[in-house]
Amino acid sequence: KSQGYQVERAVYLIEQSFNIDVVRLN
């Protein structure tokens, strides 16, 4: 995040997806 919003956005908002632990979500 210290590198600026555009870097933060590219990594955590654009690049990130999820493989959800269905037991936890249950």
mmCIF file of all heavy atoms, coordinates in Angstrom:
data_MODEL
# 
_entry.id   MODEL 
# 
loop_
_atom_site.group_PDB 
_atom_site.id 
_atom_site.type_symbol 
_atom_site.label_atom_id 
_atom_site.label_alt_id 
_atom_site.label_comp_id 
_atom_site.label_asym_id 
_atom_site.label_entity_id 
_atom_site.label_seq_id 
_atom_site.pdbx_PDB_ins_code 
_atom_site.Cartn_x 
_atom_site.Cartn_y 
_atom_site.Cartn_z 
_atom_site.occupancy 
_atom_site.B_iso_or_equiv 
_atom_site.pdbx_formal_charge 
_atom_site.auth_seq_id 
_atom_site.auth_comp_id 
_atom_site.auth_asym_id 
_atom_site.auth_atom_id 
_atom_site.pdbx_PDB_model_num 
ATOM 1   N N   . LYS A 1 1  ? 0.821   -1.215  0.000   1.00 0.00 ? 1  LYS A N   1 
ATOM 2   C CA  . LYS A 1 1  ? 0.000   0.000   0.000   1.00 0.00 ? 1  LYS A CA  1 
ATOM 3   C C   . LYS A 1 1  ? 0.850   1.258   0.000   1.00 0.00 ? 1  LYS A C   1 
ATOM 4   O O   . LYS A 1 1  ? 0.440   2.291   -0.546  1.00 0.00 ? 1  LYS A O   1 
ATOM 5   C CB  . LYS A 1 1  ? -0.940  -0.012  1.201   1.00 0.00 ? 1  LYS A CB  1 
ATOM 6   C CG  . LYS A 1 1  ? -1.998  -1.106  1.151   1.00 0.00 ? 1  LYS A CG  1 
ATOM 7   C CD  . LYS A 1 1  ? -2.937  -1.033  2.353   1.00 0.00 ? 1  LYS A CD  1 
ATOM 8   C CE  . LYS A 1 1  ? -3.998  -2.108  2.300   1.00 0.00 ? 1  LYS A CE  1 
ATOM 9   N NZ  . LYS A 1 1  ? -4.951  -2.025  3.427   1.00 0.00 ? 1  LYS A NZ  1 
ATOM 10  N N   . SER A 1 2  ? 2.022   1.192   0.604   1.00 0.00 ? 2  SER A N   1 
ATOM 11  C CA  . SER A 1 2  ? 2.893   2.366   0.655   1.00 0.00 ? 2  SER A CA  1 
ATOM 12  C C   . SER A 1 2  ? 3.399   2.780   -0.721  1.00 0.00 ? 2  SER A C   1 
ATOM 13  O O   . SER A 1 2  ? 3.893   3.894   -0.896  1.00 0.00 ? 2  SER A O   1 
ATOM 14  C CB  . SER A 1 2  ? 4.082   2.089   1.576   1.00 0.00 ? 2  SER A CB  1 
ATOM 15  O OG  . SER A 1 2  ? 4.944   1.107   1.011   1.00 0.00 ? 2  SER A OG  1 
ATOM 16  N N   . GLN A 1 3  ? 3.242   1.899   -1.707  1.00 0.00 ? 3  GLN A N   1 
ATOM 17  C CA  . GLN A 1 3  ? 3.682   2.211   -3.072  1.00 0.00 ? 3  GLN A CA  1 
ATOM 18  C C   . GLN A 1 3  ? 2.626   2.983   -3.861  1.00 0.00 ? 3  GLN A C   1 
ATOM 19  O O   . GLN A 1 3  ? 2.846   3.321   -5.018  1.00 0.00 ? 3  GLN A O   1 
ATOM 20  C CB  . GLN A 1 3  ? 4.036   0.914   -3.798  1.00 0.00 ? 3  GLN A CB  1 
ATOM 21  C CG  . GLN A 1 3  ? 5.157   0.132   -3.141  1.00 0.00 ? 3  GLN A CG  1 
ATOM 22  C CD  . GLN A 1 3  ? 5.408   -1.210  -3.831  1.00 0.00 ? 3  GLN A CD  1 
ATOM 23  O OE1 . GLN A 1 3  ? 5.562   -1.270  -5.062  1.00 0.00 ? 3  GLN A OE1 1 
ATOM 24  N NE2 . GLN A 1 3  ? 5.441   -2.288  -3.066  1.00 0.00 ? 3  GLN A NE2 1 
ATOM 25  N N   . GLY A 1 4  ? 1.461   3.224   -3.231  1.00 0.00 ? 4  GLY A N   1 
ATOM 26  C CA  . GLY A 1 4  ? 0.427   4.014   -3.882  1.00 0.00 ? 4  GLY A CA  1 
ATOM 27  C C   . GLY A 1 4  ? -0.816  3.198   -4.207  1.00 0.00 ? 4  GLY A C   1 
ATOM 28  O O   . GLY A 1 4  ? -0.763  1.957   -4.296  1.00 0.00 ? 4  GLY A O   1 
ATOM 29  N N   . TYR A 1 5  ? -1.923  3.918   -4.404  1.00 0.00 ? 5  TYR A N   1 
ATOM 30  C CA  . TYR A 1 5  ? -3.202  3.239   -4.582  1.00 0.00 ? 5  TYR A CA  1 
ATOM 31  C C   . TYR A 1 5  ? -3.236  2.379   -5.838  1.00 0.00 ? 5  TYR A C   1 
ATOM 32  O O   . TYR A 1 5  ? -3.827  1.292   -5.835  1.00 0.00 ? 5  TYR A O   1 
ATOM 33  C CB  . TYR A 1 5  ? -4.347  4.265   -4.629  1.00 0.00 ? 5  TYR A CB  1 
ATOM 34  C CG  . TYR A 1 5  ? -5.677  3.620   -4.951  1.00 0.00 ? 5  TYR A CG  1 
ATOM 35  C CD1 . TYR A 1 5  ? -6.319  2.813   -4.014  1.00 0.00 ? 5  TYR A CD1 1 
ATOM 36  C CD2 . TYR A 1 5  ? -6.267  3.776   -6.200  1.00 0.00 ? 5  TYR A CD2 1 
ATOM 37  C CE1 . TYR A 1 5  ? -7.520  2.183   -4.305  1.00 0.00 ? 5  TYR A CE1 1 
ATOM 38  C CE2 . TYR A 1 5  ? -7.471  3.157   -6.509  1.00 0.00 ? 5  TYR A CE2 1 
ATOM 39  C CZ  . TYR A 1 5  ? -8.091  2.361   -5.555  1.00 0.00 ? 5  TYR A CZ  1 
ATOM 40  O OH  . TYR A 1 5  ? -9.267  1.740   -5.860  1.00 0.00 ? 5  TYR A OH  1 
ATOM 41  N N   . GLN A 1 6  ? -2.618  2.841   -6.912  1.00 0.00 ? 6  GLN A N   1 
ATOM 42  C CA  . GLN A 1 6  ? -2.692  2.079   -8.160  1.00 0.00 ? 6  GLN A CA  1 
ATOM 43  C C   . GLN A 1 6  ? -2.016  0.713   -8.019  1.00 0.00 ? 6  GLN A C   1 
ATOM 44  O O   . GLN A 1 6  ? -2.498  -0.292  -8.553  1.00 0.00 ? 6  GLN A O   1 
ATOM 45  C CB  . GLN A 1 6  ? -2.062  2.876   -9.308  1.00 0.00 ? 6  GLN A CB  1 
ATOM 46  C CG  . GLN A 1 6  ? -2.855  4.119   -9.700  1.00 0.00 ? 6  GLN A CG  1 
ATOM 47  C CD  . GLN A 1 6  ? -4.303  3.806   -10.067 1.00 0.00 ? 6  GLN A CD  1 
ATOM 48  O OE1 . GLN A 1 6  ? -4.597  2.782   -10.684 1.00 0.00 ? 6  GLN A OE1 1 
ATOM 49  N NE2 . GLN A 1 6  ? -5.211  4.693   -9.698  1.00 0.00 ? 6  GLN A NE2 1 
ATOM 50  N N   . VAL A 1 7  ? -0.905  0.659   -7.284  1.00 0.00 ? 7  VAL A N   1 
ATOM 51  C CA  . VAL A 1 7  ? -0.239  -0.624  -7.042  1.00 0.00 ? 7  VAL A CA  1 
ATOM 52  C C   . VAL A 1 7  ? -1.114  -1.494  -6.150  1.00 0.00 ? 7  VAL A C   1 
ATOM 53  O O   . VAL A 1 7  ? -1.313  -2.691  -6.417  1.00 0.00 ? 7  VAL A O   1 
ATOM 54  C CB  . VAL A 1 7  ? 1.139   -0.396  -6.387  1.00 0.00 ? 7  VAL A CB  1 
ATOM 55  C CG1 . VAL A 1 7  ? 1.774   -1.735  -5.999  1.00 0.00 ? 7  VAL A CG1 1 
ATOM 56  C CG2 . VAL A 1 7  ? 2.063   0.378   -7.316  1.00 0.00 ? 7  VAL A CG2 1 
ATOM 57  N N   . GLU A 1 8  ? -1.649  -0.915  -5.075  1.00 0.00 ? 8  GLU A N   1 
ATOM 58  C CA  . GLU A 1 8  ? -2.543  -1.639  -4.169  1.00 0.00 ? 8  GLU A CA  1 
ATOM 59  C C   . GLU A 1 8  ? -3.747  -2.198  -4.926  1.00 0.00 ? 8  GLU A C   1 
ATOM 60  O O   . GLU A 1 8  ? -4.125  -3.360  -4.753  1.00 0.00 ? 8  GLU A O   1 
ATOM 61  C CB  . GLU A 1 8  ? -3.007  -0.698  -3.057  1.00 0.00 ? 8  GLU A CB  1 
ATOM 62  C CG  . GLU A 1 8  ? -4.032  -1.296  -2.135  1.00 0.00 ? 8  GLU A CG  1 
ATOM 63  C CD  . GLU A 1 8  ? -4.608  -0.260  -1.177  1.00 0.00 ? 8  GLU A CD  1 
ATOM 64  O OE1 . GLU A 1 8  ? -4.130  0.891   -1.161  1.00 0.00 ? 8  GLU A OE1 1 
ATOM 65  O OE2 . GLU A 1 8  ? -5.570  -0.599  -0.463  1.00 0.00 ? 8  GLU A OE2 1 
ATOM 66  N N   . ARG A 1 9  ? -4.352  -1.362  -5.752  1.00 0.00 ? 9  ARG A N   1 
ATOM 67  C CA  . ARG A 1 9  ? -5.538  -1.782  -6.516  1.00 0.00 ? 9  ARG A CA  1 
ATOM 68  C C   . ARG A 1 9  ? -5.198  -2.936  -7.454  1.00 0.00 ? 9  ARG A C   1 
ATOM 69  O O   . ARG A 1 9  ? -5.954  -3.915  -7.557  1.00 0.00 ? 9  ARG A O   1 
ATOM 70  C CB  . ARG A 1 9  ? -6.083  -0.592  -7.295  1.00 0.00 ? 9  ARG A CB  1 
ATOM 71  C CG  . ARG A 1 9  ? -7.312  -0.890  -8.142  1.00 0.00 ? 9  ARG A CG  1 
ATOM 72  C CD  . ARG A 1 9  ? -7.822  0.376   -8.833  1.00 0.00 ? 9  ARG A CD  1 
ATOM 73  N NE  . ARG A 1 9  ? -9.008  0.098   -9.620  1.00 0.00 ? 9  ARG A NE  1 
ATOM 74  C CZ  . ARG A 1 9  ? -9.003  -0.331  -10.871 1.00 0.00 ? 9  ARG A CZ  1 
ATOM 75  N NH1 . ARG A 1 9  ? -7.828  -0.534  -11.500 1.00 0.00 ? 9  ARG A NH1 1 
ATOM 76  N NH2 . ARG A 1 9  ? -10.125 -0.569  -11.520 1.00 0.00 ? 9  ARG A NH2 1 
ATOM 77  N N   . ALA A 1 10 ? -4.064  -2.828  -8.161  1.00 0.00 ? 10 ALA A N   1 
ATOM 78  C CA  . ALA A 1 10 ? -3.699  -3.857  -9.139  1.00 0.00 ? 10 ALA A CA  1 
ATOM 79  C C   . ALA A 1 10 ? -3.522  -5.218  -8.473  1.00 0.00 ? 10 ALA A C   1 
ATOM 80  O O   . ALA A 1 10 ? -3.908  -6.250  -9.036  1.00 0.00 ? 10 ALA A O   1 
ATOM 81  C CB  . ALA A 1 10 ? -2.413  -3.448  -9.857  1.00 0.00 ? 10 ALA A CB  1 
ATOM 82  N N   . VAL A 1 11 ? -2.964  -5.227  -7.260  1.00 0.00 ? 11 VAL A N   1 
ATOM 83  C CA  . VAL A 1 11 ? -2.685  -6.493  -6.585  1.00 0.00 ? 11 VAL A CA  1 
ATOM 84  C C   . VAL A 1 11 ? -3.923  -7.054  -5.898  1.00 0.00 ? 11 VAL A C   1 
ATOM 85  O O   . VAL A 1 11 ? -4.336  -8.196  -6.142  1.00 0.00 ? 11 VAL A O   1 
ATOM 86  C CB  . VAL A 1 11 ? -1.541  -6.320  -5.560  1.00 0.00 ? 11 VAL A CB  1 
ATOM 87  C CG1 . VAL A 1 11 ? -1.367  -7.603  -4.738  1.00 0.00 ? 11 VAL A CG1 1 
ATOM 88  C CG2 . VAL A 1 11 ? -0.241  -5.964  -6.271  1.00 0.00 ? 11 VAL A CG2 1 
ATOM 89  N N   . TYR A 1 12 ? -4.538  -6.254  -5.029  1.00 0.00 ? 12 TYR A N   1 
ATOM 90  C CA  . TYR A 1 12 ? -5.569  -6.790  -4.143  1.00 0.00 ? 12 TYR A CA  1 
ATOM 91  C C   . TYR A 1 12 ? -6.992  -6.728  -4.712  1.00 0.00 ? 12 TYR A C   1 
ATOM 92  O O   . TYR A 1 12 ? -7.847  -7.526  -4.325  1.00 0.00 ? 12 TYR A O   1 
ATOM 93  C CB  . TYR A 1 12 ? -5.519  -6.076  -2.795  1.00 0.00 ? 12 TYR A CB  1 
ATOM 94  C CG  . TYR A 1 12 ? -4.213  -6.297  -2.074  1.00 0.00 ? 12 TYR A CG  1 
ATOM 95  C CD1 . TYR A 1 12 ? -3.313  -5.258  -1.898  1.00 0.00 ? 12 TYR A CD1 1 
ATOM 96  C CD2 . TYR A 1 12 ? -3.866  -7.551  -1.596  1.00 0.00 ? 12 TYR A CD2 1 
ATOM 97  C CE1 . TYR A 1 12 ? -2.102  -5.460  -1.252  1.00 0.00 ? 12 TYR A CE1 1 
ATOM 98  C CE2 . TYR A 1 12 ? -2.656  -7.772  -0.939  1.00 0.00 ? 12 TYR A CE2 1 
ATOM 99  C CZ  . TYR A 1 12 ? -1.774  -6.716  -0.779  1.00 0.00 ? 12 TYR A CZ  1 
ATOM 100 O OH  . TYR A 1 12 ? -0.581  -6.922  -0.135  1.00 0.00 ? 12 TYR A OH  1 
ATOM 101 N N   . LEU A 1 13 ? -7.247  -5.803  -5.617  1.00 0.00 ? 13 LEU A N   1 
ATOM 102 C CA  . LEU A 1 13 ? -8.584  -5.696  -6.200  1.00 0.00 ? 13 LEU A CA  1 
ATOM 103 C C   . LEU A 1 13 ? -8.688  -6.356  -7.567  1.00 0.00 ? 13 LEU A C   1 
ATOM 104 O O   . LEU A 1 13 ? -9.741  -6.907  -7.917  1.00 0.00 ? 13 LEU A O   1 
ATOM 105 C CB  . LEU A 1 13 ? -8.997  -4.226  -6.311  1.00 0.00 ? 13 LEU A CB  1 
ATOM 106 C CG  . LEU A 1 13 ? -9.292  -3.515  -4.993  1.00 0.00 ? 13 LEU A CG  1 
ATOM 107 C CD1 . LEU A 1 13 ? -9.552  -2.032  -5.232  1.00 0.00 ? 13 LEU A CD1 1 
ATOM 108 C CD2 . LEU A 1 13 ? -10.488 -4.140  -4.285  1.00 0.00 ? 13 LEU A CD2 1 
ATOM 109 N N   . ILE A 1 14 ? -7.632  -6.297  -8.356  1.00 0.00 ? 14 ILE A N   1 
ATOM 110 C CA  . ILE A 1 14 ? -7.687  -6.831  -9.715  1.00 0.00 ? 14 ILE A CA  1 
ATOM 111 C C   . ILE A 1 14 ? -7.138  -8.254  -9.790  1.00 0.00 ? 14 ILE A C   1 
ATOM 112 O O   . ILE A 1 14 ? -7.754  -9.150  -10.374 1.00 0.00 ? 14 ILE A O   1 
ATOM 113 C CB  . ILE A 1 14 ? -6.907  -5.922  -10.688 1.00 0.00 ? 14 ILE A CB  1 
ATOM 114 C CG1 . ILE A 1 14 ? -7.441  -4.481  -10.625 1.00 0.00 ? 14 ILE A CG1 1 
ATOM 115 C CG2 . ILE A 1 14 ? -6.996  -6.480  -12.112 1.00 0.00 ? 14 ILE A CG2 1 
ATOM 116 C CD1 . ILE A 1 14 ? -8.898  -4.344  -10.976 1.00 0.00 ? 14 ILE A CD1 1 
ATOM 117 N N   . GLU A 1 15 ? -5.992  -8.479  -9.179  1.00 0.00 ? 15 GLU A N   1 
ATOM 118 C CA  . GLU A 1 15 ? -5.305  -9.763  -9.349  1.00 0.00 ? 15 GLU A CA  1 
ATOM 119 C C   . GLU A 1 15 ? -5.847  -10.863 -8.431  1.00 0.00 ? 15 GLU A C   1 
ATOM 120 O O   . GLU A 1 15 ? -5.744  -12.048 -8.737  1.00 0.00 ? 15 GLU A O   1 
ATOM 121 C CB  . GLU A 1 15 ? -3.809  -9.560  -9.076  1.00 0.00 ? 15 GLU A CB  1 
ATOM 122 C CG  . GLU A 1 15 ? -2.935  -10.694 -9.546  1.00 0.00 ? 15 GLU A CG  1 
ATOM 123 C CD  . GLU A 1 15 ? -1.456  -10.345 -9.451  1.00 0.00 ? 15 GLU A CD  1 
ATOM 124 O OE1 . GLU A 1 15 ? -1.111  -9.258  -8.954  1.00 0.00 ? 15 GLU A OE1 1 
ATOM 125 O OE2 . GLU A 1 15 ? -0.635  -11.188 -9.871  1.00 0.00 ? 15 GLU A OE2 1 
ATOM 126 N N   . GLN A 1 16 ? -6.437  -10.495 -7.313  1.00 0.00 ? 16 GLN A N   1 
ATOM 127 C CA  . GLN A 1 16 ? -6.813  -11.462 -6.292  1.00 0.00 ? 16 GLN A CA  1 
ATOM 128 C C   . GLN A 1 16 ? -8.144  -12.165 -6.576  1.00 0.00 ? 16 GLN A C   1 
ATOM 129 O O   . GLN A 1 16 ? -9.130  -11.521 -6.928  1.00 0.00 ? 16 GLN A O   1 
ATOM 130 C CB  . GLN A 1 16 ? -6.908  -10.758 -4.927  1.00 0.00 ? 16 GLN A CB  1 
ATOM 131 C CG  . GLN A 1 16 ? -7.210  -11.695 -3.773  1.00 0.00 ? 16 GLN A CG  1 
ATOM 132 C CD  . GLN A 1 16 ? -7.105  -11.025 -2.410  1.00 0.00 ? 16 GLN A CD  1 
ATOM 133 O OE1 . GLN A 1 16 ? -6.850  -11.708 -1.421  1.00 0.00 ? 16 GLN A OE1 1 
ATOM 134 N NE2 . GLN A 1 16 ? -7.275  -9.721  -2.348  1.00 0.00 ? 16 GLN A NE2 1 
ATOM 135 N N   . SER A 1 17 ? -8.154  -13.476 -6.430  1.00 0.00 ? 17 SER A N   1 
ATOM 136 C CA  . SER A 1 17 ? -9.377  -14.288 -6.446  1.00 0.00 ? 17 SER A CA  1 
ATOM 137 C C   . SER A 1 17 ? -9.339  -15.210 -5.241  1.00 0.00 ? 17 SER A C   1 
ATOM 138 O O   . SER A 1 17 ? -8.369  -15.220 -4.470  1.00 0.00 ? 17 SER A O   1 
ATOM 139 C CB  . SER A 1 17 ? -9.492  -15.072 -7.753  1.00 0.00 ? 17 SER A CB  1 
ATOM 140 O OG  . SER A 1 17 ? -9.789  -14.192 -8.835  1.00 0.00 ? 17 SER A OG  1 
ATOM 141 N N   . PHE A 1 18 ? -10.403 -16.034 -5.071  1.00 0.00 ? 18 PHE A N   1 
ATOM 142 C CA  . PHE A 1 18 ? -10.543 -16.790 -3.828  1.00 0.00 ? 18 PHE A CA  1 
ATOM 143 C C   . PHE A 1 18 ? -10.897 -18.253 -4.072  1.00 0.00 ? 18 PHE A C   1 
ATOM 144 O O   . PHE A 1 18 ? -11.733 -18.570 -4.916  1.00 0.00 ? 18 PHE A O   1 
ATOM 145 C CB  . PHE A 1 18 ? -11.633 -16.162 -2.956  1.00 0.00 ? 18 PHE A CB  1 
ATOM 146 C CG  . PHE A 1 18 ? -11.474 -14.674 -2.776  1.00 0.00 ? 18 PHE A CG  1 
ATOM 147 C CD1 . PHE A 1 18 ? -12.388 -13.797 -3.347  1.00 0.00 ? 18 PHE A CD1 1 
ATOM 148 C CD2 . PHE A 1 18 ? -10.406 -14.163 -2.065  1.00 0.00 ? 18 PHE A CD2 1 
ATOM 149 C CE1 . PHE A 1 18 ? -12.245 -12.436 -3.199  1.00 0.00 ? 18 PHE A CE1 1 
ATOM 150 C CE2 . PHE A 1 18 ? -10.249 -12.793 -1.908  1.00 0.00 ? 18 PHE A CE2 1 
ATOM 151 C CZ  . PHE A 1 18 ? -11.168 -11.924 -2.480  1.00 0.00 ? 18 PHE A CZ  1 
ATOM 152 N N   . ASN A 1 19 ? -10.267 -19.122 -3.293  1.00 0.00 ? 19 ASN A N   1 
ATOM 153 C CA  . ASN A 1 19 ? -10.630 -20.536 -3.224  1.00 0.00 ? 19 ASN A CA  1 
ATOM 154 C C   . ASN A 1 19 ? -11.136 -20.762 -1.805  1.00 0.00 ? 19 ASN A C   1 
ATOM 155 O O   . ASN A 1 19 ? -10.364 -21.000 -0.871  1.00 0.00 ? 19 ASN A O   1 
ATOM 156 C CB  . ASN A 1 19 ? -9.406  -21.414 -3.515  1.00 0.00 ? 19 ASN A CB  1 
ATOM 157 C CG  . ASN A 1 19 ? -9.799  -22.820 -3.879  1.00 0.00 ? 19 ASN A CG  1 
ATOM 158 O OD1 . ASN A 1 19 ? -10.814 -23.321 -3.396  1.00 0.00 ? 19 ASN A OD1 1 
ATOM 159 N ND2 . ASN A 1 19 ? -8.999  -23.474 -4.710  1.00 0.00 ? 19 ASN A ND2 1 
ATOM 160 N N   . ILE A 1 20 ? -12.439 -20.645 -1.634  1.00 0.00 ? 20 ILE A N   1 
ATOM 161 C CA  . ILE A 1 20 ? -13.056 -20.569 -0.317  1.00 0.00 ? 20 ILE A CA  1 
ATOM 162 C C   . ILE A 1 20 ? -13.032 -21.912 0.405   1.00 0.00 ? 20 ILE A C   1 
ATOM 163 O O   . ILE A 1 20 ? -13.319 -22.957 -0.189  1.00 0.00 ? 20 ILE A O   1 
ATOM 164 C CB  . ILE A 1 20 ? -14.511 -20.067 -0.444  1.00 0.00 ? 20 ILE A CB  1 
ATOM 165 C CG1 . ILE A 1 20 ? -14.534 -18.647 -1.027  1.00 0.00 ? 20 ILE A CG1 1 
ATOM 166 C CG2 . ILE A 1 20 ? -15.217 -20.101 0.909   1.00 0.00 ? 20 ILE A CG2 1 
ATOM 167 C CD1 . ILE A 1 20 ? -13.850 -17.603 -0.184  1.00 0.00 ? 20 ILE A CD1 1 
ATOM 168 N N   . ASP A 1 21 ? -12.697 -21.878 1.692   1.00 0.00 ? 21 ASP A N   1 
ATOM 169 C CA  . ASP A 1 21 ? -12.776 -23.045 2.559   1.00 0.00 ? 21 ASP A CA  1 
ATOM 170 C C   . ASP A 1 21 ? -14.254 -23.245 2.909   1.00 0.00 ? 21 ASP A C   1 
ATOM 171 O O   . ASP A 1 21 ? -14.816 -22.539 3.745   1.00 0.00 ? 21 ASP A O   1 
ATOM 172 C CB  . ASP A 1 21 ? -11.953 -22.795 3.830   1.00 0.00 ? 21 ASP A CB  1 
ATOM 173 C CG  . ASP A 1 21 ? -11.931 -23.992 4.776   1.00 0.00 ? 21 ASP A CG  1 
ATOM 174 O OD1 . ASP A 1 21 ? -12.865 -24.815 4.720   1.00 0.00 ? 21 ASP A OD1 1 
ATOM 175 O OD2 . ASP A 1 21 ? -10.990 -24.076 5.594   1.00 0.00 ? 21 ASP A OD2 1 
ATOM 176 N N   . VAL A 1 22 ? -14.910 -24.214 2.267   1.00 0.00 ? 22 VAL A N   1 
ATOM 177 C CA  . VAL A 1 22 ? -16.356 -24.363 2.416   1.00 0.00 ? 22 VAL A CA  1 
ATOM 178 C C   . VAL A 1 22 ? -16.744 -24.799 3.820   1.00 0.00 ? 22 VAL A C   1 
ATOM 179 O O   . VAL A 1 22 ? -17.873 -24.536 4.272   1.00 0.00 ? 22 VAL A O   1 
ATOM 180 C CB  . VAL A 1 22 ? -16.931 -25.337 1.366   1.00 0.00 ? 22 VAL A CB  1 
ATOM 181 C CG1 . VAL A 1 22 ? -16.811 -24.754 -0.033  1.00 0.00 ? 22 VAL A CG1 1 
ATOM 182 C CG2 . VAL A 1 22 ? -16.262 -26.702 1.454   1.00 0.00 ? 22 VAL A CG2 1 
ATOM 183 N N   . VAL A 1 23 ? -15.837 -25.438 4.541   1.00 0.00 ? 23 VAL A N   1 
ATOM 184 C CA  . VAL A 1 23 ? -16.138 -25.818 5.924   1.00 0.00 ? 23 VAL A CA  1 
ATOM 185 C C   . VAL A 1 23 ? -16.215 -24.573 6.800   1.00 0.00 ? 23 VAL A C   1 
ATOM 186 O O   . VAL A 1 23 ? -17.138 -24.426 7.623   1.00 0.00 ? 23 VAL A O   1 
ATOM 187 C CB  . VAL A 1 23 ? -15.075 -26.807 6.461   1.00 0.00 ? 23 VAL A CB  1 
ATOM 188 C CG1 . VAL A 1 23 ? -15.329 -27.101 7.950   1.00 0.00 ? 23 VAL A CG1 1 
ATOM 189 C CG2 . VAL A 1 23 ? -15.077 -28.102 5.650   1.00 0.00 ? 23 VAL A CG2 1 
ATOM 190 N N   . ARG A 1 24 ? -15.276 -23.671 6.641   1.00 0.00 ? 24 ARG A N   1 
ATOM 191 C CA  . ARG A 1 24 ? -15.314 -22.408 7.398   1.00 0.00 ? 24 ARG A CA  1 
ATOM 192 C C   . ARG A 1 24 ? -16.532 -21.581 7.018   1.00 0.00 ? 24 ARG A C   1 
ATOM 193 O O   . ARG A 1 24 ? -17.219 -21.023 7.882   1.00 0.00 ? 24 ARG A O   1 
ATOM 194 C CB  . ARG A 1 24 ? -14.050 -21.584 7.140   1.00 0.00 ? 24 ARG A CB  1 
ATOM 195 C CG  . ARG A 1 24 ? -12.792 -22.078 7.827   1.00 0.00 ? 24 ARG A CG  1 
ATOM 196 C CD  . ARG A 1 24 ? -11.642 -21.097 7.612   1.00 0.00 ? 24 ARG A CD  1 
ATOM 197 N NE  . ARG A 1 24 ? -11.974 -19.816 8.233   1.00 0.00 ? 24 ARG A NE  1 
ATOM 198 C CZ  . ARG A 1 24 ? -11.835 -18.622 7.636   1.00 0.00 ? 24 ARG A CZ  1 
ATOM 199 N NH1 . ARG A 1 24 ? -11.401 -18.561 6.378   1.00 0.00 ? 24 ARG A NH1 1 
ATOM 200 N NH2 . ARG A 1 24 ? -12.138 -17.517 8.264   1.00 0.00 ? 24 ARG A NH2 1 
ATOM 201 N N   . LEU A 1 25 ? -16.798 -21.483 5.704   1.00 0.00 ? 25 LEU A N   1 
ATOM 202 C CA  . LEU A 1 25 ? -17.937 -20.686 5.257   1.00 0.00 ? 25 LEU A CA  1 
ATOM 203 C C   . LEU A 1 25 ? -19.252 -21.279 5.748   1.00 0.00 ? 25 LEU A C   1 
ATOM 204 O O   . LEU A 1 25 ? -20.199 -20.549 6.058   1.00 0.00 ? 25 LEU A O   1 
ATOM 205 C CB  . LEU A 1 25 ? -17.941 -20.572 3.728   1.00 0.00 ? 25 LEU A CB  1 
ATOM 206 C CG  . LEU A 1 25 ? -19.056 -19.712 3.121   1.00 0.00 ? 25 LEU A CG  1 
ATOM 207 C CD1 . LEU A 1 25 ? -18.968 -18.269 3.626   1.00 0.00 ? 25 LEU A CD1 1 
ATOM 208 C CD2 . LEU A 1 25 ? -19.010 -19.740 1.601   1.00 0.00 ? 25 LEU A CD2 1 
ATOM 209 N N   . ASN A 1 26 ? -19.304 -22.597 5.854   1.00 0.00 ? 26 ASN A N   1 
ATOM 210 C CA  . ASN A 1 26 ? -20.505 -23.260 6.358   1.00 0.00 ? 26 ASN A CA  1 
ATOM 211 C C   . ASN A 1 26 ? -20.866 -22.738 7.746   1.00 0.00 ? 26 ASN A C   1 
ATOM 212 O O   . ASN A 1 26 ? -22.036 -22.443 8.028   1.00 0.00 ? 26 ASN A O   1 
ATOM 213 C CB  . ASN A 1 26 ? -20.270 -24.776 6.401   1.00 0.00 ? 26 ASN A CB  1 
ATOM 214 C CG  . ASN A 1 26 ? -21.465 -25.547 6.956   1.00 0.00 ? 26 ASN A CG  1 
ATOM 215 O OD1 . ASN A 1 26 ? -21.732 -25.525 8.152   1.00 0.00 ? 26 ASN A OD1 1 
ATOM 216 N ND2 . ASN A 1 26 ? -22.170 -26.238 6.071   1.00 0.00 ? 26 ASN A ND2 1 
# 
